[in-house]
Amino acid sequence: MSGEGLPRARRVRKRADYLAIQGAGRRFSGDHYMWFVRRAAVSTGQAGPARIGITVSRKVGGAVLRNKVKRWIRESCRRMQGELPVGTDLVIVARPSAARAGYGPTAAELANLARRSRGLR
């Protein structure tokens, strides 16, 4: 079971990074999620895997429900690693309707948003 999660290097962790991605990134919207994507600043000259940040506000529901939505998002992203745009930073924002979506619709919507954002230049 270990090794199947998102390692630290694959996560957006700092508030400043979240704000930069949401401020300067390109937005793609779905029914239950918003997807912000921005080209990562690459200092080594080589594009690495996408970094992912997740935002689920209290508008979605209580703590148990918010954690469930975050698990759906993380698992969806883990399973579609090959579809995520390489060399990008992503922030996924859950809308209040995400609480009623379930895992299947979450995975389908995030895969659709990934396909739409893959052509980002």
N, C-alpha and C. Protein backbone atom coordinates (compact mmCIF):
# COMPACT_ATOMS: atom_id res chain seq x y z
N MET A 1 0.81 -1.19 0.00
CA MET A 1 0.00 0.00 0.00
C MET A 1 0.87 1.27 0.00
N SER A 2 2.02 1.22 0.64
CA SER A 2 2.86 2.40 0.64
C SER A 2 3.41 2.62 -0.76
N GLY A 3 3.66 3.88 -1.09
CA GLY A 3 4.17 4.19 -2.42
C GLY A 3 3.09 4.48 -3.43
N GLU A 4 1.83 4.31 -3.06
CA GLU A 4 0.74 4.58 -4.00
C GLU A 4 0.16 5.97 -3.83
N GLY A 5 0.56 6.68 -2.79
CA GLY A 5 0.04 8.02 -2.55
C GLY A 5 0.76 9.06 -3.40
N LEU A 6 0.55 10.31 -3.06
CA LEU A 6 1.24 11.40 -3.73
C LEU A 6 2.40 11.84 -2.84
N PRO A 7 3.64 11.63 -3.27
CA PRO A 7 4.77 12.04 -2.44
C PRO A 7 4.86 13.56 -2.35
N ARG A 8 5.61 14.04 -1.39
CA ARG A 8 5.73 15.48 -1.16
C ARG A 8 6.15 16.24 -2.41
N ALA A 9 7.02 15.67 -3.18
CA ALA A 9 7.51 16.34 -4.39
C ALA A 9 6.40 16.52 -5.43
N ARG A 10 5.32 15.78 -5.32
CA ARG A 10 4.21 15.86 -6.28
C ARG A 10 3.07 16.71 -5.77
N ARG A 11 3.25 17.36 -4.59
CA ARG A 11 2.18 18.17 -4.01
C ARG A 11 2.56 19.64 -3.94
N VAL A 12 1.57 20.51 -4.13
CA VAL A 12 1.73 21.94 -3.87
C VAL A 12 1.51 22.10 -2.38
N ARG A 13 2.48 22.69 -1.67
CA ARG A 13 2.40 22.69 -0.22
C ARG A 13 2.36 24.09 0.40
N LYS A 14 2.84 25.11 -0.30
CA LYS A 14 2.94 26.44 0.29
C LYS A 14 1.79 27.33 -0.17
N ARG A 15 1.32 28.15 0.74
CA ARG A 15 0.22 29.06 0.43
C ARG A 15 0.56 29.98 -0.73
N ALA A 16 1.79 30.46 -0.75
CA ALA A 16 2.22 31.35 -1.84
C ALA A 16 2.12 30.65 -3.19
N ASP A 17 2.42 29.36 -3.23
CA ASP A 17 2.29 28.61 -4.48
C ASP A 17 0.83 28.48 -4.89
N TYR A 18 -0.05 28.20 -3.92
CA TYR A 18 -1.48 28.12 -4.22
C TYR A 18 -1.97 29.44 -4.80
N LEU A 19 -1.60 30.55 -4.17
CA LEU A 19 -2.05 31.86 -4.63
C LEU A 19 -1.50 32.18 -6.01
N ALA A 20 -0.25 31.82 -6.27
CA ALA A 20 0.35 32.08 -7.58
C ALA A 20 -0.33 31.27 -8.68
N ILE A 21 -0.62 30.02 -8.39
CA ILE A 21 -1.27 29.17 -9.39
C ILE A 21 -2.68 29.66 -9.67
N GLN A 22 -3.41 30.01 -8.60
CA GLN A 22 -4.78 30.47 -8.80
C GLN A 22 -4.82 31.86 -9.41
N GLY A 23 -3.82 32.68 -9.15
CA GLY A 23 -3.80 34.04 -9.69
C GLY A 23 -3.32 34.11 -11.13
N ALA A 24 -2.27 33.37 -11.45
CA ALA A 24 -1.67 33.47 -12.78
C ALA A 24 -1.97 32.26 -13.67
N GLY A 25 -2.57 31.25 -13.10
CA GLY A 25 -2.84 30.04 -13.86
C GLY A 25 -4.08 30.15 -14.73
N ARG A 26 -4.23 29.20 -15.61
CA ARG A 26 -5.41 29.13 -16.47
C ARG A 26 -6.48 28.30 -15.78
N ARG A 27 -7.72 28.73 -15.86
CA ARG A 27 -8.81 28.05 -15.15
C ARG A 27 -9.67 27.25 -16.12
N PHE A 28 -9.97 26.03 -15.69
CA PHE A 28 -10.90 25.17 -16.41
C PHE A 28 -11.99 24.79 -15.42
N SER A 29 -13.24 24.89 -15.83
CA SER A 29 -14.35 24.63 -14.92
C SER A 29 -15.14 23.41 -15.34
N GLY A 30 -15.60 22.68 -14.34
CA GLY A 30 -16.50 21.56 -14.55
C GLY A 30 -17.72 21.77 -13.68
N ASP A 31 -18.56 20.76 -13.58
CA ASP A 31 -19.77 20.87 -12.77
C ASP A 31 -19.47 20.95 -11.27
N HIS A 32 -18.48 20.16 -10.82
CA HIS A 32 -18.20 20.04 -9.40
C HIS A 32 -16.83 20.56 -8.98
N TYR A 33 -15.95 20.82 -9.95
CA TYR A 33 -14.58 21.20 -9.64
C TYR A 33 -14.09 22.31 -10.56
N MET A 34 -13.18 23.13 -10.04
CA MET A 34 -12.43 24.08 -10.85
C MET A 34 -10.98 23.61 -10.84
N TRP A 35 -10.31 23.77 -11.94
CA TRP A 35 -8.97 23.24 -12.14
C TRP A 35 -8.11 24.40 -12.60
N PHE A 36 -7.14 24.82 -11.80
CA PHE A 36 -6.21 25.87 -12.16
C PHE A 36 -4.89 25.20 -12.54
N VAL A 37 -4.33 25.60 -13.68
CA VAL A 37 -3.08 24.99 -14.13
C VAL A 37 -2.13 26.09 -14.57
N ARG A 38 -0.86 25.90 -14.22
CA ARG A 38 0.18 26.86 -14.57
C ARG A 38 1.46 26.10 -14.85
N ARG A 39 2.20 26.53 -15.84
CA ARG A 39 3.51 25.93 -16.11
C ARG A 39 4.39 26.12 -14.88
N ALA A 40 5.06 25.06 -14.48
CA ALA A 40 5.95 25.12 -13.32
C ALA A 40 7.23 25.85 -13.70
N ALA A 41 7.77 26.57 -12.74
CA ALA A 41 9.06 27.22 -12.94
C ALA A 41 10.12 26.14 -12.85
N VAL A 42 10.80 25.89 -13.95
CA VAL A 42 11.77 24.80 -14.01
C VAL A 42 13.17 25.40 -14.01
N SER A 43 13.94 25.10 -12.97
CA SER A 43 15.29 25.63 -12.88
C SER A 43 16.32 24.68 -13.49
N THR A 44 16.00 23.39 -13.59
CA THR A 44 16.96 22.42 -14.11
C THR A 44 16.86 22.25 -15.62
N GLY A 45 15.84 22.84 -16.23
CA GLY A 45 15.67 22.70 -17.67
C GLY A 45 14.92 21.45 -18.07
N GLN A 46 14.51 20.67 -17.10
CA GLN A 46 13.79 19.43 -17.40
C GLN A 46 12.42 19.47 -16.72
N ALA A 47 11.38 19.16 -17.46
CA ALA A 47 10.02 19.18 -16.91
C ALA A 47 9.79 17.94 -16.08
N GLY A 48 9.32 18.15 -14.86
CA GLY A 48 9.02 17.04 -13.98
C GLY A 48 7.54 16.71 -13.98
N PRO A 49 7.14 15.77 -13.15
CA PRO A 49 5.72 15.43 -13.07
C PRO A 49 4.90 16.59 -12.50
N ALA A 50 3.62 16.57 -12.75
CA ALA A 50 2.73 17.63 -12.27
C ALA A 50 2.66 17.62 -10.75
N ARG A 51 2.64 18.83 -10.17
CA ARG A 51 2.40 18.96 -8.72
C ARG A 51 0.93 19.30 -8.53
N ILE A 52 0.32 18.74 -7.51
CA ILE A 52 -1.12 18.87 -7.31
C ILE A 52 -1.41 19.48 -5.95
N GLY A 53 -2.33 20.45 -5.92
CA GLY A 53 -2.84 21.03 -4.69
C GLY A 53 -4.35 20.88 -4.69
N ILE A 54 -4.91 20.66 -3.51
CA ILE A 54 -6.36 20.44 -3.38
C ILE A 54 -6.92 21.43 -2.38
N THR A 55 -8.03 22.08 -2.76
CA THR A 55 -8.72 23.01 -1.87
C THR A 55 -10.17 22.60 -1.76
N VAL A 56 -10.60 22.32 -0.53
CA VAL A 56 -11.99 21.98 -0.26
C VAL A 56 -12.43 22.83 0.92
N SER A 57 -13.28 23.83 0.67
CA SER A 57 -13.68 24.76 1.71
C SER A 57 -14.82 24.21 2.56
N ARG A 58 -15.13 24.93 3.60
CA ARG A 58 -16.23 24.51 4.49
C ARG A 58 -17.59 24.62 3.82
N LYS A 59 -17.68 25.30 2.70
CA LYS A 59 -18.93 25.36 1.96
C LYS A 59 -19.35 23.98 1.45
N VAL A 60 -18.36 23.08 1.30
CA VAL A 60 -18.64 21.73 0.81
C VAL A 60 -19.35 20.92 1.89
N GLY A 61 -18.99 21.12 3.15
CA GLY A 61 -19.61 20.38 4.24
C GLY A 61 -18.71 20.31 5.45
N GLY A 62 -19.04 19.41 6.34
CA GLY A 62 -18.26 19.22 7.55
C GLY A 62 -16.93 18.54 7.26
N ALA A 63 -16.13 18.38 8.30
CA ALA A 63 -14.78 17.85 8.14
C ALA A 63 -14.76 16.45 7.53
N VAL A 64 -15.68 15.60 7.95
CA VAL A 64 -15.71 14.23 7.43
C VAL A 64 -15.98 14.24 5.93
N LEU A 65 -16.93 15.05 5.51
CA LEU A 65 -17.28 15.14 4.09
C LEU A 65 -16.16 15.77 3.28
N ARG A 66 -15.54 16.82 3.83
CA ARG A 66 -14.41 17.45 3.12
C ARG A 66 -13.26 16.47 2.92
N ASN A 67 -12.96 15.68 3.95
CA ASN A 67 -11.89 14.70 3.84
C ASN A 67 -12.22 13.62 2.81
N LYS A 68 -13.49 13.24 2.74
CA LYS A 68 -13.92 12.25 1.75
C LYS A 68 -13.73 12.79 0.34
N VAL A 69 -14.10 14.05 0.12
CA VAL A 69 -13.94 14.67 -1.20
C VAL A 69 -12.45 14.74 -1.55
N LYS A 70 -11.60 15.09 -0.59
CA LYS A 70 -10.16 15.14 -0.84
C LYS A 70 -9.61 13.76 -1.20
N ARG A 71 -10.10 12.72 -0.54
CA ARG A 71 -9.67 11.36 -0.88
C ARG A 71 -10.07 11.00 -2.30
N TRP A 72 -11.30 11.37 -2.71
CA TRP A 72 -11.75 11.12 -4.09
C TRP A 72 -10.81 11.80 -5.08
N ILE A 73 -10.45 13.06 -4.81
CA ILE A 73 -9.60 13.82 -5.71
C ILE A 73 -8.20 13.21 -5.78
N ARG A 74 -7.63 12.90 -4.61
CA ARG A 74 -6.28 12.31 -4.59
C ARG A 74 -6.23 10.99 -5.34
N GLU A 75 -7.22 10.13 -5.10
CA GLU A 75 -7.24 8.83 -5.78
C GLU A 75 -7.43 9.00 -7.28
N SER A 76 -8.28 9.94 -7.69
CA SER A 76 -8.48 10.19 -9.12
C SER A 76 -7.19 10.66 -9.76
N CYS A 77 -6.48 11.57 -9.10
CA CYS A 77 -5.22 12.08 -9.64
C CYS A 77 -4.15 11.00 -9.66
N ARG A 78 -4.13 10.16 -8.66
CA ARG A 78 -3.15 9.08 -8.61
C ARG A 78 -3.36 8.11 -9.77
N ARG A 79 -4.61 7.80 -10.08
CA ARG A 79 -4.90 6.86 -11.16
C ARG A 79 -4.71 7.43 -12.54
N MET A 80 -4.74 8.75 -12.68
CA MET A 80 -4.59 9.34 -14.01
C MET A 80 -3.28 10.11 -14.14
N GLN A 81 -2.23 9.65 -13.47
CA GLN A 81 -0.94 10.34 -13.52
C GLN A 81 -0.44 10.53 -14.94
N GLY A 82 -0.68 9.57 -15.81
CA GLY A 82 -0.23 9.68 -17.19
C GLY A 82 -0.97 10.72 -17.99
N GLU A 83 -2.17 11.09 -17.55
CA GLU A 83 -2.97 12.07 -18.27
C GLU A 83 -2.72 13.50 -17.80
N LEU A 84 -2.05 13.67 -16.66
CA LEU A 84 -1.80 15.01 -16.14
C LEU A 84 -0.74 15.71 -16.98
N PRO A 85 -0.93 17.00 -17.24
CA PRO A 85 0.05 17.72 -18.05
C PRO A 85 1.42 17.77 -17.34
N VAL A 86 2.47 17.34 -18.03
CA VAL A 86 3.81 17.28 -17.46
C VAL A 86 4.37 18.69 -17.30
N GLY A 87 5.09 18.92 -16.21
CA GLY A 87 5.73 20.21 -15.99
C GLY A 87 4.78 21.31 -15.59
N THR A 88 3.68 20.94 -14.94
CA THR A 88 2.70 21.94 -14.52
C THR A 88 2.42 21.85 -13.03
N ASP A 89 1.87 22.91 -12.51
CA ASP A 89 1.34 22.93 -11.16
C ASP A 89 -0.17 23.06 -11.27
N LEU A 90 -0.89 22.24 -10.51
CA LEU A 90 -2.35 22.21 -10.56
C LEU A 90 -2.93 22.52 -9.19
N VAL A 91 -4.02 23.24 -9.16
CA VAL A 91 -4.82 23.38 -7.95
C VAL A 91 -6.24 23.01 -8.33
N ILE A 92 -6.79 22.06 -7.59
CA ILE A 92 -8.16 21.60 -7.82
C ILE A 92 -9.00 22.14 -6.68
N VAL A 93 -10.05 22.89 -7.03
CA VAL A 93 -10.94 23.50 -6.04
C VAL A 93 -12.30 22.81 -6.14
N ALA A 94 -12.76 22.27 -5.03
CA ALA A 94 -14.06 21.60 -5.01
C ALA A 94 -15.17 22.62 -4.79
N ARG A 95 -16.21 22.51 -5.58
CA ARG A 95 -17.41 23.34 -5.39
C ARG A 95 -18.32 22.62 -4.40
N PRO A 96 -19.29 23.32 -3.81
CA PRO A 96 -20.18 22.68 -2.85
C PRO A 96 -20.90 21.45 -3.41
N SER A 97 -21.16 21.42 -4.69
CA SER A 97 -21.85 20.27 -5.29
C SER A 97 -20.98 19.01 -5.33
N ALA A 98 -19.68 19.14 -5.09
CA ALA A 98 -18.77 17.99 -5.12
C ALA A 98 -19.12 16.97 -4.05
N ALA A 99 -19.73 17.42 -2.96
CA ALA A 99 -20.09 16.51 -1.87
C ALA A 99 -21.10 15.46 -2.31
N ARG A 100 -21.93 15.80 -3.28
CA ARG A 100 -22.96 14.88 -3.76
C ARG A 100 -22.51 14.07 -4.97
N ALA A 101 -21.30 14.34 -5.46
CA ALA A 101 -20.87 13.74 -6.72
C ALA A 101 -20.51 12.26 -6.59
N GLY A 102 -19.71 11.89 -5.62
CA GLY A 102 -19.23 10.52 -5.51
C GLY A 102 -17.91 10.35 -6.24
N TYR A 103 -17.29 9.19 -6.06
CA TYR A 103 -15.97 8.95 -6.65
C TYR A 103 -16.01 8.84 -8.17
N GLY A 104 -16.95 8.09 -8.71
CA GLY A 104 -17.02 7.88 -10.16
C GLY A 104 -17.13 9.18 -10.96
N PRO A 105 -18.11 10.02 -10.65
CA PRO A 105 -18.21 11.30 -11.36
C PRO A 105 -17.00 12.21 -11.13
N THR A 106 -16.40 12.13 -9.93
CA THR A 106 -15.21 12.93 -9.67
C THR A 106 -14.07 12.51 -10.59
N ALA A 107 -13.83 11.21 -10.69
CA ALA A 107 -12.76 10.71 -11.55
C ALA A 107 -13.00 11.09 -13.01
N ALA A 108 -14.24 10.96 -13.47
CA ALA A 108 -14.57 11.28 -14.86
C ALA A 108 -14.38 12.78 -15.14
N GLU A 109 -14.84 13.63 -14.23
CA GLU A 109 -14.73 15.07 -14.44
C GLU A 109 -13.27 15.52 -14.41
N LEU A 110 -12.48 15.00 -13.48
CA LEU A 110 -11.08 15.39 -13.40
C LEU A 110 -10.30 14.90 -14.62
N ALA A 111 -10.63 13.72 -15.14
CA ALA A 111 -9.99 13.23 -16.36
C ALA A 111 -10.32 14.13 -17.54
N ASN A 112 -11.56 14.59 -17.61
CA ASN A 112 -11.98 15.51 -18.67
C ASN A 112 -11.23 16.83 -18.55
N LEU A 113 -11.10 17.36 -17.34
CA LEU A 113 -10.38 18.61 -17.13
C LEU A 113 -8.90 18.45 -17.48
N ALA A 114 -8.33 17.29 -17.18
CA ALA A 114 -6.93 17.02 -17.52
C ALA A 114 -6.74 17.02 -19.03
N ARG A 115 -7.67 16.39 -19.76
CA ARG A 115 -7.58 16.37 -21.23
C ARG A 115 -7.66 17.79 -21.79
N ARG A 116 -8.57 18.59 -21.24
CA ARG A 116 -8.73 19.96 -21.72
C ARG A 116 -7.50 20.82 -21.46
N SER A 117 -6.81 20.56 -20.34
CA SER A 117 -5.68 21.40 -19.98
C SER A 117 -4.35 20.89 -20.54
N ARG A 118 -4.32 19.73 -21.14
CA ARG A 118 -3.07 19.16 -21.63
C ARG A 118 -2.42 20.01 -22.72
N GLY A 119 -3.21 20.73 -23.48
CA GLY A 119 -2.67 21.56 -24.56
C GLY A 119 -2.13 22.89 -24.10
N LEU A 120 -2.00 23.11 -22.82
CA LEU A 120 -1.51 24.39 -22.29
C LEU A 120 -0.09 24.65 -22.75
N ARG A 121 0.15 25.81 -23.27
CA ARG A 121 1.49 26.18 -23.73
C ARG A 121 2.06 27.28 -22.86
